[in-house]
Structure formats: structure tokens, C-alpha cells
Protein backbone atom coordinates (compact mmCIF):
# COMPACT_ATOMS: atom_id res chain seq x y z
CA UNK A 1 0.04 81.19 -37.72
CA UNK A 2 -1.68 82.45 -34.25
CA UNK A 3 -4.56 80.71 -32.73
CA UNK A 4 -7.17 82.20 -30.76
CA UNK A 5 -9.29 80.19 -28.30
CA UNK A 6 -12.59 80.54 -29.74
CA UNK A 7 -14.51 80.17 -26.31
CA UNK A 8 -13.35 83.67 -25.05
CA UNK A 9 -14.46 84.93 -28.26
CA UNK A 10 -17.33 83.53 -29.64
CA UNK A 11 -19.50 86.79 -28.92
CA UNK A 12 -17.10 88.92 -30.02
CA UNK A 13 -15.76 87.12 -33.53
CA UNK A 14 -17.59 88.97 -36.99
CA UNK A 15 -18.82 86.51 -39.60
CA UNK A 16 -18.94 89.54 -42.65
CA UNK A 17 -17.14 92.68 -42.08
CA UNK A 18 -16.79 93.22 -45.96
CA UNK A 19 -13.18 92.39 -46.33
CA UNK A 20 -12.35 89.09 -47.68
CA UNK A 21 -11.67 86.38 -44.80
CA UNK A 22 -8.88 84.75 -47.72
CA UNK A 23 -5.22 85.60 -47.07
CA UNK A 24 -5.44 87.90 -50.16
CA UNK A 25 -2.94 90.84 -48.88
CA UNK A 26 0.08 89.55 -48.84
CA UNK A 27 1.13 91.13 -46.02
CA UNK A 28 -0.05 94.48 -46.85
CA UNK A 29 -2.61 95.98 -44.75
CA UNK A 30 -6.45 96.30 -45.41
CA UNK A 31 -6.38 99.57 -44.60
CA UNK A 32 -4.46 102.52 -45.18
CA UNK A 33 -3.94 105.05 -41.97
CA UNK A 34 -5.69 108.03 -43.81
CA UNK A 35 -8.73 105.70 -43.96
CA UNK A 36 -8.98 104.45 -47.73
CA UNK A 37 -9.02 100.67 -48.70
CA UNK A 38 -6.14 98.99 -49.85
CA UNK A 39 -7.96 97.29 -52.79
CA UNK A 40 -8.48 98.16 -56.09
CA UNK A 41 -11.27 97.96 -58.63
CA UNK A 42 -10.30 96.74 -62.05
CA UNK A 43 -12.14 94.90 -64.99
CA UNK A 44 -14.18 97.51 -66.13
CA UNK A 45 -13.87 100.49 -68.71
CA UNK A 46 -13.18 103.34 -67.17
CA UNK A 47 -16.18 105.34 -68.15
CA UNK A 48 -18.48 102.48 -66.61
CA UNK A 49 -16.15 103.24 -62.69
CA UNK A 50 -15.41 107.20 -63.09
CA UNK A 51 -17.71 109.75 -61.55
CA UNK A 52 -16.01 113.07 -62.56
CA UNK A 53 -18.05 114.90 -60.03
CA UNK A 54 -16.89 112.87 -57.22
CA UNK A 55 -13.28 112.97 -58.79
CA UNK A 56 -13.53 116.62 -58.05
CA UNK A 57 -15.16 117.04 -55.10
CA UNK A 58 -12.58 114.39 -53.33
CA UNK A 59 -9.42 115.72 -54.99
CA UNK A 60 -7.02 118.25 -53.20
CA UNK A 61 -7.62 121.92 -53.64
CA UNK A 62 -4.80 122.05 -55.29
CA UNK A 63 -5.53 119.73 -58.18
CA UNK A 64 -8.92 121.44 -58.44
CA UNK A 65 -7.70 124.73 -58.90
CA UNK A 66 -5.25 123.05 -61.42
CA UNK A 67 -7.78 121.32 -63.08
CA UNK A 68 -10.52 124.13 -63.34
CA UNK A 69 -7.53 126.96 -64.34
CA UNK A 70 -6.36 124.13 -67.17
CA UNK A 71 -9.88 123.40 -68.10
CA UNK A 72 -10.35 127.58 -68.27
CA UNK A 73 -7.32 128.22 -70.32
CA UNK A 74 -8.37 125.24 -73.17
CA UNK A 75 -11.63 126.40 -73.75
CA UNK A 76 -10.14 130.16 -74.80
CA UNK A 77 -7.80 128.70 -76.83
CA UNK A 78 -10.05 126.81 -78.92
CA UNK A 79 -12.39 129.58 -79.38
CA UNK A 80 -9.47 131.90 -79.65
CA UNK A 81 -8.18 129.30 -82.70
CA UNK A 82 -11.51 129.74 -84.19
CA UNK A 83 -11.57 133.67 -84.63
CA UNK A 84 -7.97 133.64 -85.67
CA UNK A 85 -9.08 131.37 -88.50
CA UNK A 86 -11.85 133.24 -89.69
CA UNK A 87 -9.74 136.40 -89.57
CA UNK A 88 -9.35 138.28 -86.77
CA UNK A 89 -10.00 141.49 -89.19
CA UNK A 90 -13.02 140.88 -90.17
CA UNK A 91 -14.92 139.10 -87.15
CA UNK A 92 -13.35 141.55 -84.82
CA UNK A 93 -13.41 145.01 -84.66
CA UNK A 94 -11.52 147.36 -82.40
CA UNK A 95 -8.26 144.92 -82.38
CA UNK A 96 -4.71 146.84 -82.04
CA UNK A 97 -2.50 144.31 -83.91
CA UNK A 98 0.91 144.03 -85.67
CA UNK A 99 2.05 140.73 -86.20
CA UNK A 100 0.01 137.29 -86.48
CA UNK A 101 1.04 136.87 -82.81
CA UNK A 102 -0.51 139.71 -81.87
CA UNK A 103 -3.87 138.98 -83.46
CA UNK A 104 -3.75 135.71 -81.71
CA UNK A 105 -3.74 137.00 -78.28
CA UNK A 106 -6.51 139.72 -79.10
CA UNK A 107 -8.69 136.40 -80.35
CA UNK A 108 -7.70 134.88 -76.50
CA UNK A 109 -8.08 137.97 -74.96
CA UNK A 110 -11.52 138.63 -76.46
CA UNK A 111 -12.38 134.94 -75.98
CA UNK A 112 -11.71 135.04 -72.10
CA UNK A 113 -14.13 138.69 -72.52
CA UNK A 114 -16.71 136.60 -74.06
CA UNK A 115 -16.43 133.45 -71.84
CA UNK A 116 -16.68 135.48 -68.80
CA UNK A 117 -19.84 137.71 -70.36
CA UNK A 118 -17.28 140.90 -69.10
CA UNK A 119 -16.80 142.79 -72.12
CA UNK A 120 -14.68 145.32 -71.30
CA UNK A 121 -16.25 147.42 -75.17
CA UNK A 122 -13.31 147.64 -77.25
CA UNK A 123 -13.63 144.52 -79.07
CA UNK A 124 -16.59 143.42 -80.34
CA UNK A 125 -17.64 140.56 -82.96
CA UNK A 126 -18.84 141.86 -86.63
CA UNK A 127 -20.50 140.07 -88.71
CA UNK A 128 -23.24 136.78 -88.80
CA UNK A 129 -20.76 134.56 -87.94
CA UNK A 130 -18.53 136.22 -85.84
CA UNK A 131 -21.67 137.30 -83.69
CA UNK A 132 -22.79 133.55 -83.51
CA UNK A 133 -19.49 132.53 -82.41
CA UNK A 134 -19.31 134.85 -79.52
CA UNK A 135 -22.89 134.16 -78.53
CA UNK A 136 -22.55 130.60 -78.37
CA UNK A 137 -19.07 131.45 -76.44
CA UNK A 138 -21.07 133.25 -73.82
CA UNK A 139 -23.68 130.33 -73.66
CA UNK A 140 -20.53 127.75 -72.51
CA UNK A 141 -19.22 130.30 -70.44
CA UNK A 142 -22.51 130.67 -68.79
CA UNK A 143 -22.45 126.67 -68.53
CA UNK A 144 -18.86 126.17 -67.23
CA UNK A 145 -19.26 128.99 -64.67
CA UNK A 146 -22.34 127.65 -62.76
CA UNK A 147 -20.64 124.22 -62.96
CA UNK A 148 -17.60 125.56 -61.52
CA UNK A 149 -19.75 127.28 -58.80
CA UNK A 150 -21.65 124.54 -57.90
CA UNK A 151 -18.24 122.04 -57.43
CA UNK A 152 -17.08 125.05 -55.16
CA UNK A 153 -20.22 125.01 -53.18
CA UNK A 154 -20.23 121.19 -52.98
CA UNK A 155 -16.58 121.34 -52.01
CA UNK A 156 -16.61 123.86 -49.09
CA UNK A 157 -20.52 122.60 -47.73
CA UNK A 158 -19.51 118.86 -48.00
CA UNK A 159 -19.23 117.29 -44.34
CA UNK A 160 -15.33 116.08 -43.40
CA UNK A 161 -14.10 114.53 -39.93
CA UNK A 162 -10.82 115.67 -39.27
CA UNK A 163 -10.36 113.28 -37.02
CA UNK A 164 -5.88 113.06 -35.75
CA UNK A 165 -4.56 109.95 -34.68
CA UNK A 166 -2.16 109.14 -32.51
CA UNK A 167 0.73 107.29 -34.77
CA UNK A 168 1.19 104.58 -32.73
CA UNK A 169 -1.26 102.46 -30.67
CA UNK A 170 -0.03 101.07 -27.35
CA UNK A 171 -0.73 97.94 -25.38
CA UNK A 172 -0.10 99.98 -21.80
CA UNK A 173 -0.45 99.38 -18.36
CA UNK A 174 -4.56 100.06 -17.24
CA UNK A 175 -6.30 99.03 -14.05
CA UNK A 176 -3.79 95.99 -12.87
CA UNK A 177 -4.40 94.78 -16.35
CA UNK A 178 -2.55 96.00 -19.73
CA UNK A 179 -5.12 97.20 -22.67
CA UNK A 180 -4.84 98.02 -26.29
CA UNK A 181 -4.92 102.01 -26.81
CA UNK A 182 -5.09 104.74 -28.77
CA UNK A 183 -5.80 108.38 -28.51
CA UNK A 184 -7.92 110.70 -31.30
CA UNK A 185 -8.89 114.10 -31.43
CA UNK A 186 -11.05 116.45 -33.45
CA UNK A 187 -8.67 118.76 -35.65
CA UNK A 188 -12.19 120.99 -36.63
CA UNK A 189 -12.92 123.91 -34.33
CA UNK A 190 -16.92 122.11 -34.87
CA UNK A 191 -17.91 119.99 -32.04
CA UNK A 192 -19.01 116.38 -32.73
CA UNK A 193 -21.95 115.01 -30.61
CA UNK A 194 -22.45 111.54 -29.82
CA UNK A 195 -19.14 110.43 -30.93
CA UNK A 196 -19.09 106.64 -31.44
CA UNK A 197 -15.99 104.24 -32.01
CA UNK A 198 -15.43 100.88 -33.23
CA UNK A 199 -12.48 98.56 -33.04
CA UNK A 200 -12.22 95.60 -34.90
CA UNK A 201 -8.67 93.28 -34.87
CA UNK A 202 -8.21 91.20 -37.93
CA UNK A 203 -5.80 88.17 -37.56
CA UNK A 204 -4.20 85.61 -39.61
CA UNK A 205 -5.54 81.71 -38.38
CA UNK A 206 -5.14 78.68 -39.95
CA UNK A 207 -7.99 76.42 -41.09
CA UNK A 208 -7.27 73.22 -42.54
CA UNK A 209 -3.69 73.94 -43.61
CA UNK A 210 -5.01 77.38 -45.46
CA UNK A 211 -4.57 80.66 -43.85
CA UNK A 212 -7.30 82.62 -43.56
CA UNK A 213 -8.63 86.14 -41.75
CA UNK A 214 -10.60 85.88 -39.00
CA UNK A 215 -11.97 89.47 -37.69
CA UNK A 216 -12.98 90.23 -33.71
CA UNK A 217 -15.01 92.90 -32.43
CA UNK A 218 -13.03 94.66 -29.48
CA UNK A 219 -14.75 95.49 -26.01
CA UNK A 220 -14.08 98.90 -25.12
CA UNK A 221 -14.08 100.98 -21.98
CA UNK A 222 -16.13 103.47 -23.22
CA UNK A 223 -17.30 103.09 -27.07
CA UNK A 224 -19.11 106.39 -27.22
CA UNK A 225 -18.74 109.70 -25.61
CA UNK A 226 -21.77 112.86 -25.51
CA UNK A 227 -18.76 115.37 -26.28
CA UNK A 228 -15.91 114.92 -28.33
CA UNK A 229 -14.15 118.47 -27.45
CA UNK A 230 -10.67 117.54 -26.14
CA UNK A 231 -8.33 114.19 -26.77
CA UNK A 232 -10.10 110.78 -26.22
CA UNK A 233 -8.05 107.59 -25.71
CA UNK A 234 -9.52 104.84 -26.25
CA UNK A 235 -9.29 101.37 -24.12
CA UNK A 236 -9.45 97.63 -24.95
CA UNK A 237 -8.82 96.01 -21.81
CA UNK A 238 -7.17 92.57 -22.34
CA UNK A 239 -8.67 90.55 -19.97
CA UNK A 240 -9.82 86.67 -19.98
CA UNK A 241 -12.53 88.01 -22.56
CA UNK A 242 -10.27 89.52 -24.96
CA UNK A 243 -9.14 87.96 -28.06
CA UNK A 244 -5.67 89.51 -27.18
CA UNK A 245 -5.59 87.32 -23.92
CA UNK A 246 -2.02 85.93 -23.90
CA UNK A 247 -1.10 86.82 -26.93
CA UNK A 248 3.01 88.52 -27.72
CA UNK A 249 4.21 91.00 -29.58
CA UNK A 250 5.76 87.83 -31.85
CA UNK A 251 2.19 86.38 -32.10
CA UNK A 252 0.77 90.03 -33.50
CA UNK A 253 4.04 89.46 -35.83
CA UNK A 254 2.65 86.14 -36.64
CA UNK A 255 -0.71 86.85 -37.23
CA UNK A 256 -0.07 89.71 -39.45
CA UNK A 257 -3.18 91.30 -37.17
CA UNK A 258 -4.37 94.95 -37.75
CA UNK A 259 -6.88 97.07 -36.00
CA UNK A 260 -9.41 98.46 -37.67
CA UNK A 261 -10.88 101.67 -36.59
CA UNK A 262 -14.07 103.01 -37.40
CA UNK A 263 -15.46 106.74 -35.70
CA UNK A 264 -18.77 108.14 -36.27
CA UNK A 265 -20.83 111.04 -34.81
CA UNK A 266 -22.85 114.16 -35.38
CA UNK A 267 -21.14 117.36 -36.62
CA UNK A 268 -23.17 120.18 -35.28
CA UNK A 269 -21.80 122.96 -37.54
CA UNK A 270 -22.98 120.78 -40.63
CA UNK A 271 -25.80 118.93 -38.73
CA UNK A 272 -25.01 116.13 -40.34
CA UNK A 273 -23.53 112.54 -39.36
CA UNK A 274 -19.37 112.14 -40.51
CA UNK A 275 -17.07 109.36 -40.05
CA UNK A 276 -13.81 108.78 -40.29
CA UNK A 277 -11.77 105.48 -40.62
CA UNK A 278 -7.65 104.28 -40.02
CA UNK A 279 -6.22 101.51 -38.88
CA UNK A 280 -2.81 100.14 -37.09
CA UNK A 281 -1.07 97.05 -37.70
CA UNK A 282 1.09 95.09 -35.39
CA UNK A 283 4.39 96.83 -36.55
CA UNK A 284 2.47 100.30 -35.36
CA UNK A 285 1.93 99.13 -31.57
CA UNK A 286 4.19 100.12 -28.69
CA UNK A 287 4.44 97.88 -26.00
CA UNK A 288 5.45 98.90 -22.41
CA UNK A 289 4.82 102.45 -22.93
CA UNK A 290 1.92 104.78 -21.61
CA UNK A 291 0.95 107.99 -23.04
CA UNK A 292 2.32 111.32 -22.20
CA UNK A 293 -0.16 114.15 -20.52
CA UNK A 294 -0.96 116.71 -23.16
CA UNK A 295 -3.46 119.02 -20.99
CA UNK A 296 -2.44 121.92 -19.51
CA UNK A 297 -3.98 125.92 -18.73
CA UNK A 298 -3.58 128.47 -19.98
CA UNK A 299 -3.41 132.54 -18.81
CA UNK A 300 -7.13 132.82 -18.25
CA UNK A 301 -7.18 129.17 -16.34
CA UNK A 302 -8.84 127.45 -19.24
CA UNK A 303 -8.30 124.09 -20.07
CA UNK A 304 -5.52 123.55 -23.16
CA UNK A 305 -4.96 120.63 -25.63
CA UNK A 306 -1.42 119.63 -27.12
CA UNK A 307 -2.73 117.88 -30.66
CA UNK A 308 0.73 118.07 -31.58
CA UNK A 309 1.95 116.20 -28.93
CA UNK A 310 -0.76 113.43 -29.65
CA UNK A 311 1.61 110.76 -29.83
CA UNK A 312 3.69 111.55 -27.56
CA UNK A 313 4.86 108.37 -24.79
CA UNK A 314 6.88 107.81 -22.33
CA UNK A 315 7.99 104.47 -20.32
């Protein structure tokens, strides 16, 4: 393991980051590249830890549309079975059927009309029980549509930071020394105001013969900018006060170094604070290179930034 001189880093060591100081990762990263923590809560029943609203708001649009479509079909199949068992000829009027399958289809599509309160008029319920089931289904449909509408609004209105991180971080020349650096950019067309970034380093060290993790807050060239509209190259100068001072690539590998990134700012479109997380492991760092220039100009002499080249480096 690697020992870091505490006299240089006393004012930067983090006593409690919220992550365990014990070596419990078995070589895995603490924070995934997408910002999710590499841990899982177990030991409690599912109904105590699972929030269906949070799940539906956070999942991808493909999964969300699939769940809504399946729920819609299942509910209509349920009421179609009830109409079918009650007897399509006796509970519904206006049906045109020849086979039992046709009767079930008529019941299913009448259920869909009642569920969405469309009611085209050709088929209508007959009798007390048929009317009761149709009225109850209309109530369920109103509640379900209101719930789906709320979920759609929640998904659209939830502020989300779409921050693009460079695929690799660098140990690069910087002002007659070296620096740990990476690039970030805002993928949204909205502007992030007062963007602030924090970089923390995690290293495995030996204490009384036992490996444990220590966390260091890295001082940055700039940790806050007023307008985050272009590409921001975040630099941590590696001077004598840096925890990275005199460490080699092999040292970072032995210490299973991981650099945890936290970005937060104010989104002017949502008028809310947003944040984004990511991390770089020791094997995601390129030594001795620098980022390539990705700025240019268009025909109107406006500044352009090639975000597809944000990870490009040159020796």
C-alpha cells in the first residue's frame, strides 16, 4: 500500500465522506461513472425500501412506456374477462359477434372505451350489473389516467443535469508542474449558473497492518465558475501540498486510487439547483498527455465546441 505524508495534507484530509473507511470494495470502484454508488441495500423487505413513484420517475423512457402500456392492457383484459363471464349478449348491447373470440374482443374494446371515457356509442352496457361494472371501470380509468399524467409531468419537470465527462482523466503538464485534470461540458441547451466542482481522492493505506481508505479533498485551480456554457477543464495542481505529490502511476495502482467528482450549480431553465457525479479510477488516468483543442468558429464567427471530441488527447 501507499503512504502519504500527512504533514502535507493535514488540511485536506476528509474525516467522514459518508463512505466507509474500511476496505470493503474488494477492488471495485466506490462510485460508478454514471454517478450511482456501487453499493446495494439489503436486509429489509422489498415493500419497506421500494418506492414505486421514485422508480417510475427515474427509469428510462423505454421502460416507463412499456410499464404504462402493459398496465393499460392488463386492466382492460381484467374487465374484458368480467364482461365475458357475465355474458356479452346479456351485459352489452350493440355487439357484432360470430365466435366466442369475437365476443371477447368486443368486451375488450368496450372496456378500453369505458376505461378512457371515450364511448363511441355502438356498444353500451345493459342491466344493473353491466352498468355498475362500466361505471366502476370509468372511475378506475379516471384515477389511472390522472396518475399517468402526474408521472409524465414529474418526469418532464424533474431537473436533471446532463454533464458530459471526458472518458479519461490526465496527469498532464501544467504551469511548470503537473496537474490532475479532466474535462466536463453541459450537454443541455440550458445554462448552469455558479457551477461548483469538488474533487476528492480515495486511497488505500496501511494502519496497524490493516488496509483502510483515506479521503482527501483536492485543491483546484478554480473550483467555481459563474457561467458553465463551454468546456471546463478542471485542474488540480500537483505541488508539494498535494496528496499526489511524488506519487507514481504504480503508487496509484497499489493504492487503488479513485477520484470522486461532484458538480453542482443552478439551472436557469428549471430555476433549481442541480448536481452530477462521476469518478475516475487509477486505470482511467493517462499520464504525460494533454487534452486536444476542441474550440473553433462557425461561418458567423461564433465560438463552437466539439463535444464529440471532449476526450481527445495528444502527446
